[in-house]
Amino acid sequence: MQALREMEIGVMFWGGRDPVATLREVKGLGVRCGQLGIPGDMKLEGAAAAWKAALGAGQFTLVTVFGGFTGESYADIPTVERTVGFIPQATRAEREARTLALSDLAAELGVPSVALHVGFVPEDTGDPDYIAVREMVRRVADHAARHSQTFALETGQEPAHVLLKFLKDLNRPNVRINFDPANMILYGSGDPIEALGALGPYVISVHCKDGDWPPKNVPGALGAERPLGQGSVGMERFIAKLKEISYQGPLIIEREVEDHQERLRDIRMAVGLLERLRQVH
């Protein structure tokens, strides 16, 4: 895979379709790097060979393999608490095995990082769910370390101070953060710029995503995602803060909207916005 420039712009995209066609579309957005999301129902057998060939032919660099799980739902905050990541007890063993397999897939592709949402980490360190998830993350991190990989936790579902305490308790040097500023807003968990300052030493990758705060009159509701630059994150402040903390990794655009053409249009617009902001700040 080719070397990347400092703060190179990339795109988060999902597998499950033909790798060659997928990369052709992604490269058509004007980027040459990204994060590959692996849906929970995507078969992993044979995936490494197909993606490795497509990445080589397309001269495209993957920076992260990002995992999702079957049964996860982001309908609202209570549903996220029940279904996402390592928190649901009934699916822990299955999801741990899947995550280890994703690490192996990333190793075959030569990708240095695996990432996912681990779910709402309880603030109480004596909570049985906290202890169980901590031990799961340690096992996954140790497996990833054998591949010389980082294991990155996606931000947003807990305040920065809770995540920071969890990271220190994990005591695994290869556990890092994929920082998503919009998630902090969508879940109402704190100001993303302040959080980035607190979590900066752990940030290995970022999502460039935007959104608005949850409605105050709808308990449990998530905020609404917006096209980049049209939400409450403040992308000028975000890019400036990244430079302030000496972040040099890629700027990965993530746009989650059902209409495919709308998604492509918004990503193209986001590429242009980030190009301008990189020059200004």
C-alpha atoms as a PDB file:
ATOM      1  CA  MET A   1       0.000   0.000   0.000  1.00  0.00           C
ATOM      2  CA  GLN A   2       1.211   3.479  -0.838  1.00  0.00           C
ATOM      3  CA  ALA A   3       2.466   5.961   1.730  1.00  0.00           C
ATOM      4  CA  LEU A   4      -0.011   8.652   2.718  1.00  0.00           C
ATOM      5  CA  ARG A   5       0.414  12.366   3.110  1.00  0.00           C
ATOM      6  CA  GLU A   6      -0.112  14.063   6.462  1.00  0.00           C
ATOM      7  CA  MET A   7      -3.841  14.397   7.174  1.00  0.00           C
ATOM      8  CA  GLU A   8      -4.736  12.771   3.859  1.00  0.00           C
ATOM      9  CA  ILE A   9      -8.447  12.713   3.114  1.00  0.00           C
ATOM     10  CA  GLY A  10     -10.131   9.313   2.898  1.00  0.00           C
ATOM     11  CA  VAL A  11     -13.544   7.651   3.091  1.00  0.00           C
ATOM     12  CA  MET A  12     -15.225   5.119   5.354  1.00  0.00           C
ATOM     13  CA  PHE A  13     -17.004   2.518   3.179  1.00  0.00           C
ATOM     14  CA  TRP A  14     -18.533  -0.915   3.669  1.00  0.00           C
ATOM     15  CA  GLY A  15     -17.687  -4.267   2.154  1.00  0.00           C
ATOM     16  CA  GLY A  16     -20.196  -6.854   1.075  1.00  0.00           C
ATOM     17  CA  ARG A  17     -20.157  -5.873  -2.600  1.00  0.00           C
ATOM     18  CA  ASP A  18     -17.621  -6.614  -5.311  1.00  0.00           C
ATOM     19  CA  PRO A  19     -14.265  -5.181  -4.127  1.00  0.00           C
ATOM     20  CA  VAL A  20     -13.194  -3.939  -7.572  1.00  0.00           C
ATOM     21  CA  ALA A  21     -16.457  -2.087  -8.209  1.00  0.00           C
ATOM     22  CA  THR A  22     -16.507  -0.730  -4.652  1.00  0.00           C
ATOM     23  CA  LEU A  23     -12.993   0.688  -4.877  1.00  0.00           C
ATOM     24  CA  ARG A  24     -13.672   2.153  -8.311  1.00  0.00           C
ATOM     25  CA  GLU A  25     -16.591   4.077  -6.846  1.00  0.00           C
ATOM     26  CA  VAL A  26     -14.644   5.198  -3.771  1.00  0.00           C
ATOM     27  CA  LYS A  27     -11.655   6.343  -5.819  1.00  0.00           C
ATOM     28  CA  GLY A  28     -14.069   8.263  -8.013  1.00  0.00           C
ATOM     29  CA  LEU A  29     -14.732  10.485  -4.998  1.00  0.00           C
ATOM     30  CA  GLY A  30     -11.160  11.777  -5.280  1.00  0.00           C
ATOM     31  CA  VAL A  31      -9.498   9.815  -2.468  1.00  0.00           C
ATOM     32  CA  ARG A  32      -6.888   7.077  -2.327  1.00  0.00           C
ATOM     33  CA  CYS A  33      -7.277   5.790   1.238  1.00  0.00           C
ATOM     34  CA  GLY A  34     -10.028   4.748   3.604  1.00  0.00           C
ATOM     35  CA  GLN A  35     -11.497   2.471   6.228  1.00  0.00           C
ATOM     36  CA  LEU A  36     -13.178  -0.772   5.204  1.00  0.00           C
ATOM     37  CA  GLY A  37     -16.275  -1.615   7.224  1.00  0.00           C
ATOM     38  CA  ILE A  38     -17.133  -5.306   7.504  1.00  0.00           C
ATOM     39  CA  PRO A  39     -20.863  -5.899   8.090  1.00  0.00           C
ATOM     40  CA  GLY A  40     -21.773  -8.559  10.609  1.00  0.00           C
ATOM     41  CA  ASP A  41     -23.322 -10.778   7.948  1.00  0.00           C
ATOM     42  CA  MET A  42     -20.425 -10.548   5.490  1.00  0.00           C
ATOM     43  CA  LYS A  43     -18.713 -13.877   4.864  1.00  0.00           C
ATOM     44  CA  LEU A  44     -15.008 -13.684   5.641  1.00  0.00           C
ATOM     45  CA  GLU A  45     -13.980 -16.811   3.768  1.00  0.00           C
ATOM     46  CA  GLY A  46     -12.139 -15.721   0.637  1.00  0.00           C
ATOM     47  CA  ALA A  47     -12.571 -12.026   1.460  1.00  0.00           C
ATOM     48  CA  ALA A  48      -8.886 -11.366   2.136  1.00  0.00           C
ATOM     49  CA  ALA A  49      -7.726 -12.641  -1.250  1.00  0.00           C
ATOM     50  CA  ALA A  50     -10.389 -10.702  -3.163  1.00  0.00           C
ATOM     51  CA  TRP A  51      -9.787  -7.449  -1.326  1.00  0.00           C
ATOM     52  CA  LYS A  52      -5.998  -7.772  -1.429  1.00  0.00           C
ATOM     53  CA  ALA A  53      -6.072  -8.149  -5.197  1.00  0.00           C
ATOM     54  CA  ALA A  54      -8.443  -5.194  -5.629  1.00  0.00           C
ATOM     55  CA  LEU A  55      -6.456  -2.944  -3.297  1.00  0.00           C
ATOM     56  CA  GLY A  56      -3.224  -3.731  -5.095  1.00  0.00           C
ATOM     57  CA  ALA A  57      -4.680  -3.192  -8.547  1.00  0.00           C
ATOM     58  CA  GLY A  58      -6.373   0.029  -7.439  1.00  0.00           C
ATOM     59  CA  GLN A  59      -3.350   1.348  -5.530  1.00  0.00           C
ATOM     60  CA  PHE A  60      -5.649   2.073  -2.615  1.00  0.00           C
ATOM     61  CA  THR A  61      -4.511   2.177   1.020  1.00  0.00           C
ATOM     62  CA  LEU A  62      -6.639   0.814   3.855  1.00  0.00           C
ATOM     63  CA  VAL A  63      -5.879   2.338   7.245  1.00  0.00           C
ATOM     64  CA  THR A  64      -8.485   0.449   9.289  1.00  0.00           C
ATOM     65  CA  VAL A  65     -10.727  -2.594   9.145  1.00  0.00           C
ATOM     66  CA  PHE A  66     -13.898  -1.528  10.965  1.00  0.00           C
ATOM     67  CA  GLY A  67     -16.221  -4.145  12.418  1.00  0.00           C
ATOM     68  CA  GLY A  68     -19.997  -4.242  12.728  1.00  0.00           C
ATOM     69  CA  PHE A  69     -22.102  -7.019  14.238  1.00  0.00           C
ATOM     70  CA  THR A  70     -25.329  -8.715  13.253  1.00  0.00           C
ATOM     71  CA  GLY A  71     -28.145  -7.597  15.548  1.00  0.00           C
ATOM     72  CA  GLU A  72     -26.843  -4.095  16.227  1.00  0.00           C
ATOM     73  CA  SER A  73     -29.328  -1.239  15.951  1.00  0.00           C
ATOM     74  CA  TYR A  74     -28.789   2.499  16.230  1.00  0.00           C
ATOM     75  CA  ALA A  75     -32.485   3.418  16.347  1.00  0.00           C
ATOM     76  CA  ASP A  76     -32.197   5.344  19.619  1.00  0.00           C
ATOM     77  CA  ILE A  77     -29.983   5.447  22.706  1.00  0.00           C
ATOM     78  CA  PRO A  78     -31.765   2.681  24.702  1.00  0.00           C
ATOM     79  CA  THR A  79     -31.585   0.384  21.650  1.00  0.00           C
ATOM     80  CA  VAL A  80     -27.885   1.120  21.233  1.00  0.00           C
ATOM     81  CA  GLU A  81     -27.347   0.273  24.895  1.00  0.00           C
ATOM     82  CA  ARG A  82     -29.075  -3.095  24.424  1.00  0.00           C
ATOM     83  CA  THR A  83     -27.640  -4.178  21.079  1.00  0.00           C
ATOM     84  CA  VAL A  84     -24.299  -2.590  20.216  1.00  0.00           C
ATOM     85  CA  GLY A  85     -20.788  -3.915  20.658  1.00  0.00           C
ATOM     86  CA  PHE A  86     -19.557  -6.095  23.512  1.00  0.00           C
ATOM     87  CA  ILE A  87     -22.198  -5.067  26.053  1.00  0.00           C
ATOM     88  CA  PRO A  88     -25.003  -7.580  25.210  1.00  0.00           C
ATOM     89  CA  GLN A  89     -24.186 -10.689  27.239  1.00  0.00           C
ATOM     90  CA  ALA A  90     -25.860 -13.190  24.901  1.00  0.00           C
ATOM     91  CA  THR A  91     -23.623 -12.315  21.944  1.00  0.00           C
ATOM     92  CA  ARG A  92     -20.295 -11.703  23.671  1.00  0.00           C
ATOM     93  CA  ALA A  93     -18.605 -14.996  22.764  1.00  0.00           C
ATOM     94  CA  GLU A  94     -19.791 -14.811  19.154  1.00  0.00           C
ATOM     95  CA  ARG A  95     -18.734 -11.179  18.759  1.00  0.00           C
ATOM     96  CA  GLU A  96     -15.355 -11.738  20.374  1.00  0.00           C
ATOM     97  CA  ALA A  97     -14.643 -14.564  17.925  1.00  0.00           C
ATOM     98  CA  ARG A  98     -15.777 -12.362  15.045  1.00  0.00           C
ATOM     99  CA  THR A  99     -13.489  -9.540  16.171  1.00  0.00           C
ATOM    100  CA  LEU A 100     -10.494 -11.874  16.345  1.00  0.00           C
ATOM    101  CA  ALA A 101     -11.329 -13.020  12.819  1.00  0.00           C
ATOM    102  CA  LEU A 102     -11.450  -9.397  11.665  1.00  0.00           C
ATOM    103  CA  SER A 103      -8.006  -8.858  13.146  1.00  0.00           C
ATOM    104  CA  ASP A 104      -6.774 -11.863  11.173  1.00  0.00           C
ATOM    105  CA  LEU A 105      -8.389 -10.486   8.016  1.00  0.00           C
ATOM    106  CA  ALA A 106      -6.720  -7.122   8.549  1.00  0.00           C
ATOM    107  CA  ALA A 107      -3.370  -8.859   9.027  1.00  0.00           C
ATOM    108  CA  GLU A 108      -3.770 -10.665   5.690  1.00  0.00           C
ATOM    109  CA  LEU A 109      -4.492  -7.307   4.058  1.00  0.00           C
ATOM    110  CA  GLY A 110      -1.547  -5.612   5.769  1.00  0.00           C
ATOM    111  CA  VAL A 111      -3.842  -3.178   7.590  1.00  0.00           C
ATOM    112  CA  PRO A 112      -2.402  -1.847  10.880  1.00  0.00           C
ATOM    113  CA  SER A 113      -5.618  -1.176  12.797  1.00  0.00           C
ATOM    114  CA  VAL A 114      -8.953  -2.786  13.689  1.00  0.00           C
ATOM    115  CA  ALA A 115     -11.773  -0.681  15.130  1.00  0.00           C
ATOM    116  CA  LEU A 116     -15.376  -0.932  16.325  1.00  0.00           C
ATOM    117  CA  HIS A 117     -17.991   0.321  18.769  1.00  0.00           C
ATOM    118  CA  VAL A 118     -17.638  -1.637  22.017  1.00  0.00           C
ATOM    119  CA  GLY A 119     -20.930  -0.162  23.246  1.00  0.00           C
ATOM    120  CA  PHE A 120     -21.827   1.898  26.300  1.00  0.00           C
ATOM    121  CA  VAL A 121     -19.082   1.244  28.855  1.00  0.00           C
ATOM    122  CA  PRO A 122     -20.527   1.512  32.400  1.00  0.00           C
ATOM    123  CA  GLU A 123     -18.945   4.233  34.510  1.00  0.00           C
ATOM    124  CA  ASP A 124     -18.923   1.978  37.597  1.00  0.00           C
ATOM    125  CA  THR A 125     -15.700  -0.059  37.417  1.00  0.00           C
ATOM    126  CA  GLY A 126     -17.262  -2.686  39.674  1.00  0.00           C
ATOM    127  CA  ASP A 127     -20.191  -3.281  37.332  1.00  0.00           C
ATOM    128  CA  PRO A 128     -20.085  -6.895  36.008  1.00  0.00           C
ATOM    129  CA  ASP A 129     -20.602  -5.608  32.459  1.00  0.00           C
ATOM    130  CA  TYR A 130     -17.688  -3.210  32.837  1.00  0.00           C
ATOM    131  CA  ILE A 131     -15.417  -6.015  34.031  1.00  0.00           C
ATOM    132  CA  ALA A 132     -16.537  -8.419  31.300  1.00  0.00           C
ATOM    133  CA  VAL A 133     -16.069  -5.864  28.519  1.00  0.00           C
ATOM    134  CA  ARG A 134     -12.696  -4.782  29.891  1.00  0.00           C
ATOM    135  CA  GLU A 135     -11.456  -8.377  29.797  1.00  0.00           C
ATOM    136  CA  MET A 136     -12.836  -8.881  26.281  1.00  0.00           C
ATOM    137  CA  VAL A 137     -11.062  -5.775  25.029  1.00  0.00           C
ATOM    138  CA  ARG A 138      -7.830  -6.927  26.654  1.00  0.00           C
ATOM    139  CA  ARG A 139      -8.056 -10.298  24.899  1.00  0.00           C
ATOM    140  CA  VAL A 140      -8.798  -8.669  21.550  1.00  0.00           C
ATOM    141  CA  ALA A 141      -5.967  -6.173  22.038  1.00  0.00           C
ATOM    142  CA  ASP A 142      -3.527  -8.969  22.862  1.00  0.00           C
ATOM    143  CA  HIS A 143      -4.583 -10.845  19.722  1.00  0.00           C
ATOM    144  CA  ALA A 144      -4.190  -7.678  17.625  1.00  0.00           C
ATOM    145  CA  ALA A 145      -0.774  -7.049  19.162  1.00  0.00           C
ATOM    146  CA  ARG A 146       0.425 -10.370  17.777  1.00  0.00           C
ATOM    147  CA  HIS A 147      -0.308  -8.889  14.341  1.00  0.00           C
ATOM    148  CA  SER A 148       1.394  -5.595  15.342  1.00  0.00           C
ATOM    149  CA  GLN A 149      -2.014  -3.897  15.133  1.00  0.00           C
ATOM    150  CA  THR A 150      -3.799  -1.267  17.152  1.00  0.00           C
ATOM    151  CA  PHE A 151      -7.328  -1.923  18.378  1.00  0.00           C
ATOM    152  CA  ALA A 152      -9.272   1.342  18.186  1.00  0.00           C
ATOM    153  CA  LEU A 153     -12.433   2.129  20.132  1.00  0.00           C
ATOM    154  CA  GLU A 154     -14.967   4.394  18.460  1.00  0.00           C
ATOM    155  CA  THR A 155     -15.963   7.435  20.517  1.00  0.00           C
ATOM    156  CA  GLY A 156     -19.338   8.870  21.281  1.00  0.00           C
ATOM    157  CA  GLN A 157     -21.342   6.593  23.525  1.00  0.00           C
ATOM    158  CA  GLU A 158     -19.779   7.772  26.765  1.00  0.00           C
ATOM    159  CA  PRO A 159     -18.227  11.053  27.956  1.00  0.00           C
ATOM    160  CA  ALA A 160     -14.507  11.574  27.388  1.00  0.00           C
ATOM    161  CA  HIS A 161     -13.606  11.150  31.062  1.00  0.00           C
ATOM    162  CA  VAL A 162     -15.314   7.734  31.213  1.00  0.00           C
ATOM    163  CA  LEU A 163     -13.520   6.529  28.089  1.00  0.00           C
ATOM    164  CA  LEU A 164     -10.207   7.891  29.350  1.00  0.00           C
ATOM    165  CA  LYS A 165     -10.589   6.031  32.648  1.00  0.00           C
ATOM    166  CA  PHE A 166     -11.465   2.851  30.747  1.00  0.00           C
ATOM    167  CA  LEU A 167      -8.383   3.168  28.538  1.00  0.00           C
ATOM    168  CA  LYS A 168      -6.102   3.584  31.524  1.00  0.00           C
ATOM    169  CA  ASP A 169      -7.713   0.618  33.280  1.00  0.00           C
ATOM    170  CA  LEU A 170      -7.246  -1.558  30.184  1.00  0.00           C
ATOM    171  CA  ASN A 171      -3.502  -1.027  30.402  1.00  0.00           C
ATOM    172  CA  ARG A 172      -2.887  -2.129  26.826  1.00  0.00           C
ATOM    173  CA  PRO A 173      -0.507   0.092  24.822  1.00  0.00           C
ATOM    174  CA  ASN A 174      -2.056  -0.859  21.484  1.00  0.00           C
ATOM    175  CA  VAL A 175      -5.613   0.177  22.433  1.00  0.00           C
ATOM    176  CA  ARG A 176      -6.312   3.507  20.818  1.00  0.00           C
ATOM    177  CA  ILE A 177      -9.239   5.709  19.726  1.00  0.00           C
ATOM    178  CA  ASN A 178     -11.021   6.271  16.442  1.00  0.00           C
ATOM    179  CA  PHE A 179     -12.369   9.738  17.250  1.00  0.00           C
ATOM    180  CA  ASP A 180     -15.748  10.653  15.784  1.00  0.00           C
ATOM    181  CA  PRO A 181     -16.733  14.209  16.760  1.00  0.00           C
ATOM    182  CA  ALA A 182     -20.307  13.886  15.519  1.00  0.00           C
ATOM    183  CA  ASN A 183     -20.960  10.890  17.756  1.00  0.00           C
ATOM    184  CA  MET A 184     -20.187  12.978  20.830  1.00  0.00           C
ATOM    185  CA  ILE A 185     -22.974  15.311  19.709  1.00  0.00           C
ATOM    186  CA  LEU A 186     -25.432  12.677  18.454  1.00  0.00           C
ATOM    187  CA  TYR A 187     -25.320  10.877  21.818  1.00  0.00           C
ATOM    188  CA  GLY A 188     -25.205  14.113  23.812  1.00  0.00           C
ATOM    189  CA  SER A 189     -22.036  12.939  25.558  1.00  0.00           C
ATOM    190  CA  GLY A 190     -19.997  16.128  25.478  1.00  0.00           C
ATOM    191  CA  ASP A 191     -18.350  18.847  23.428  1.00  0.00           C
ATOM    192  CA  PRO A 192     -16.233  17.058  20.799  1.00  0.00           C
ATOM    193  CA  ILE A 193     -13.467  19.641  20.673  1.00  0.00           C
ATOM    194  CA  GLU A 194     -12.949  19.486  24.425  1.00  0.00           C
ATOM    195  CA  ALA A 195     -13.087  15.681  24.265  1.00  0.00           C
ATOM    196  CA  LEU A 196     -10.487  15.619  21.506  1.00  0.00           C
ATOM    197  CA  GLY A 197      -8.157  17.653  23.683  1.00  0.00           C
ATOM    198  CA  ALA A 198      -8.579  15.225  26.584  1.00  0.00           C
ATOM    199  CA  LEU A 199      -8.262  12.068  24.491  1.00  0.00           C
ATOM    200  CA  GLY A 200      -5.680  13.364  22.031  1.00  0.00           C
ATOM    201  CA  PRO A 201      -2.750  11.128  23.049  1.00  0.00           C
ATOM    202  CA  TYR A 202      -4.857   8.033  22.284  1.00  0.00           C
ATOM    203  CA  VAL A 203      -6.282   9.146  18.921  1.00  0.00           C
ATOM    204  CA  ILE A 204      -4.988   6.987  16.063  1.00  0.00           C
ATOM    205  CA  SER A 205      -7.677   7.816  13.481  1.00  0.00           C
ATOM    206  CA  VAL A 206     -10.660  10.125  13.064  1.00  0.00           C
ATOM    207  CA  HIS A 207     -14.025  10.264  11.354  1.00  0.00           C
ATOM    208  CA  CYS A 208     -14.980  13.542   9.762  1.00  0.00           C
ATOM    209  CA  LYS A 209     -18.708  13.515  10.376  1.00  0.00           C
ATOM    210  CA  ASP A 210     -21.219  16.152  11.434  1.00  0.00           C
ATOM    211  CA  GLY A 211     -24.505  16.237  13.305  1.00  0.00           C
ATOM    212  CA  ASP A 212     -26.846  18.080  15.641  1.00  0.00           C
ATOM    213  CA  TRP A 213     -27.640  17.525  19.321  1.00  0.00           C
ATOM    214  CA  PRO A 214     -30.527  15.263  20.378  1.00  0.00           C
ATOM    215  CA  PRO A 215     -33.910  16.970  20.773  1.00  0.00           C
ATOM    216  CA  LYS A 216     -34.401  17.955  24.406  1.00  0.00           C
ATOM    217  CA  ASN A 217     -38.087  16.993  24.437  1.00  0.00           C
ATOM    218  CA  VAL A 218     -37.586  13.376  23.228  1.00  0.00           C
ATOM    219  CA  PRO A 219     -35.973  11.209  25.938  1.00  0.00           C
ATOM    220  CA  GLY A 220     -33.567   8.629  24.532  1.00  0.00           C
ATOM    221  CA  ALA A 221     -33.487  10.102  21.039  1.00  0.00           C
ATOM    222  CA  LEU A 222     -30.269  10.407  19.088  1.00  0.00           C
ATOM    223  CA  GLY A 223     -29.273  13.601  17.357  1.00  0.00           C
ATOM    224  CA  ALA A 224     -29.456  13.896  13.574  1.00  0.00           C
ATOM    225  CA  GLU A 225     -26.460  13.405  11.304  1.00  0.00           C
ATOM    226  CA  ARG A 226     -25.813  16.236   8.841  1.00  0.00           C
ATOM    227  CA  PRO A 227     -23.629  16.730   5.772  1.00  0.00           C
ATOM    228  CA  LEU A 228     -20.129  17.781   6.756  1.00  0.00           C
ATOM    229  CA  GLY A 229     -19.998  21.448   7.695  1.00  0.00           C
ATOM    230  CA  GLN A 230     -23.767  21.738   8.190  1.00  0.00           C
ATOM    231  CA  GLY A 231     -24.041  20.403  11.745  1.00  0.00           C
ATOM    232  CA  SER A 232     -22.933  21.434  15.223  1.00  0.00           C
ATOM    233  CA  VAL A 233     -19.379  20.036  15.280  1.00  0.00           C
ATOM    234  CA  GLY A 234     -17.690  23.097  13.825  1.00  0.00           C
ATOM    235  CA  MET A 235     -15.288  21.563  11.330  1.00  0.00           C
ATOM    236  CA  GLU A 236     -12.976  24.581  11.381  1.00  0.00           C
ATOM    237  CA  ARG A 237     -12.480  24.099  15.129  1.00  0.00           C
ATOM    238  CA  PHE A 238     -12.114  20.351  14.684  1.00  0.00           C
ATOM    239  CA  ILE A 239      -9.343  20.574  12.074  1.00  0.00           C
ATOM    240  CA  ALA A 240      -7.599  23.302  14.070  1.00  0.00           C
ATOM    241  CA  LYS A 241      -7.709  21.136  17.222  1.00  0.00           C
ATOM    242  CA  LEU A 242      -6.315  18.142  15.334  1.00  0.00           C
ATOM    243  CA  LYS A 243      -3.357  20.251  14.293  1.00  0.00           C
ATOM    244  CA  GLU A 244      -2.990  21.582  17.842  1.00  0.00           C
ATOM    245  CA  ILE A 245      -2.634  18.033  19.226  1.00  0.00           C
ATOM    246  CA  SER A 246      -0.186  17.175  16.404  1.00  0.00           C
ATOM    247  CA  TYR A 247      -2.475  14.637  14.744  1.00  0.00           C
ATOM    248  CA  GLN A 248      -0.999  13.573  11.414  1.00  0.00           C
ATOM    249  CA  GLY A 249      -3.216  10.636  10.446  1.00  0.00           C
ATOM    250  CA  PRO A 250      -5.900  10.503   7.767  1.00  0.00           C
ATOM    251  CA  LEU A 251      -9.144  12.456   7.761  1.00  0.00           C
ATOM    252  CA  ILE A 252     -11.747   9.752   7.097  1.00  0.00           C
ATOM    253  CA  ILE A 253     -15.101  11.046   5.884  1.00  0.00           C
ATOM    254  CA  GLU A 254     -18.068   9.060   7.172  1.00  0.00           C
ATOM    255  CA  ARG A 255     -21.553   9.762   5.872  1.00  0.00           C
ATOM    256  CA  GLU A 256     -24.376   7.492   7.016  1.00  0.00           C
ATOM    257  CA  VAL A 257     -27.493   8.087   4.954  1.00  0.00           C
ATOM    258  CA  GLU A 258     -29.751   5.552   3.234  1.00  0.00           C
ATOM    259  CA  ASP A 259     -29.889   7.189  -0.202  1.00  0.00           C
ATOM    260  CA  HIS A 260     -26.731   6.099  -2.011  1.00  0.00           C
ATOM    261  CA  GLN A 261     -26.557   9.023  -4.427  1.00  0.00           C
ATOM    262  CA  GLU A 262     -27.100  11.501  -1.607  1.00  0.00           C
ATOM    263  CA  ARG A 263     -24.247   9.851   0.272  1.00  0.00           C
ATOM    264  CA  LEU A 264     -21.874  10.129  -2.699  1.00  0.00           C
ATOM    265  CA  ARG A 265     -22.872  13.758  -3.271  1.00  0.00           C
ATOM    266  CA  ASP A 266     -22.288  14.668   0.361  1.00  0.00           C
ATOM    267  CA  ILE A 267     -18.905  12.902   0.438  1.00  0.00           C
ATOM    268  CA  ARG A 268     -17.725  14.792  -2.663  1.00  0.00           C
ATOM    269  CA  MET A 269     -18.746  18.034  -0.988  1.00  0.00           C
ATOM    270  CA  ALA A 270     -16.933  16.951   2.199  1.00  0.00           C
ATOM    271  CA  VAL A 271     -13.721  16.240   0.284  1.00  0.00           C
ATOM    272  CA  GLY A 272     -13.763  19.793  -1.056  1.00  0.00           C
ATOM    273  CA  LEU A 273     -14.499  21.260   2.373  1.00  0.00           C
ATOM    274  CA  LEU A 274     -11.653  19.371   4.049  1.00  0.00           C
ATOM    275  CA  GLU A 275      -9.230  20.327   1.293  1.00  0.00           C
ATOM    276  CA  ARG A 276     -10.017  23.983   1.971  1.00  0.00           C
ATOM    277  CA  LEU A 277      -9.819  23.650   5.743  1.00  0.00           C
ATOM    278  CA  ARG A 278      -6.474  21.857   5.632  1.00  0.00           C
ATOM    279  CA  GLN A 279      -5.021  24.837   3.763  1.00  0.00           C
ATOM    280  CA  VAL A 280      -6.519  27.492   6.045  1.00  0.00           C
ATOM    281  CA  HIS A 281      -5.712  26.030   9.455  1.00  0.00           C
END
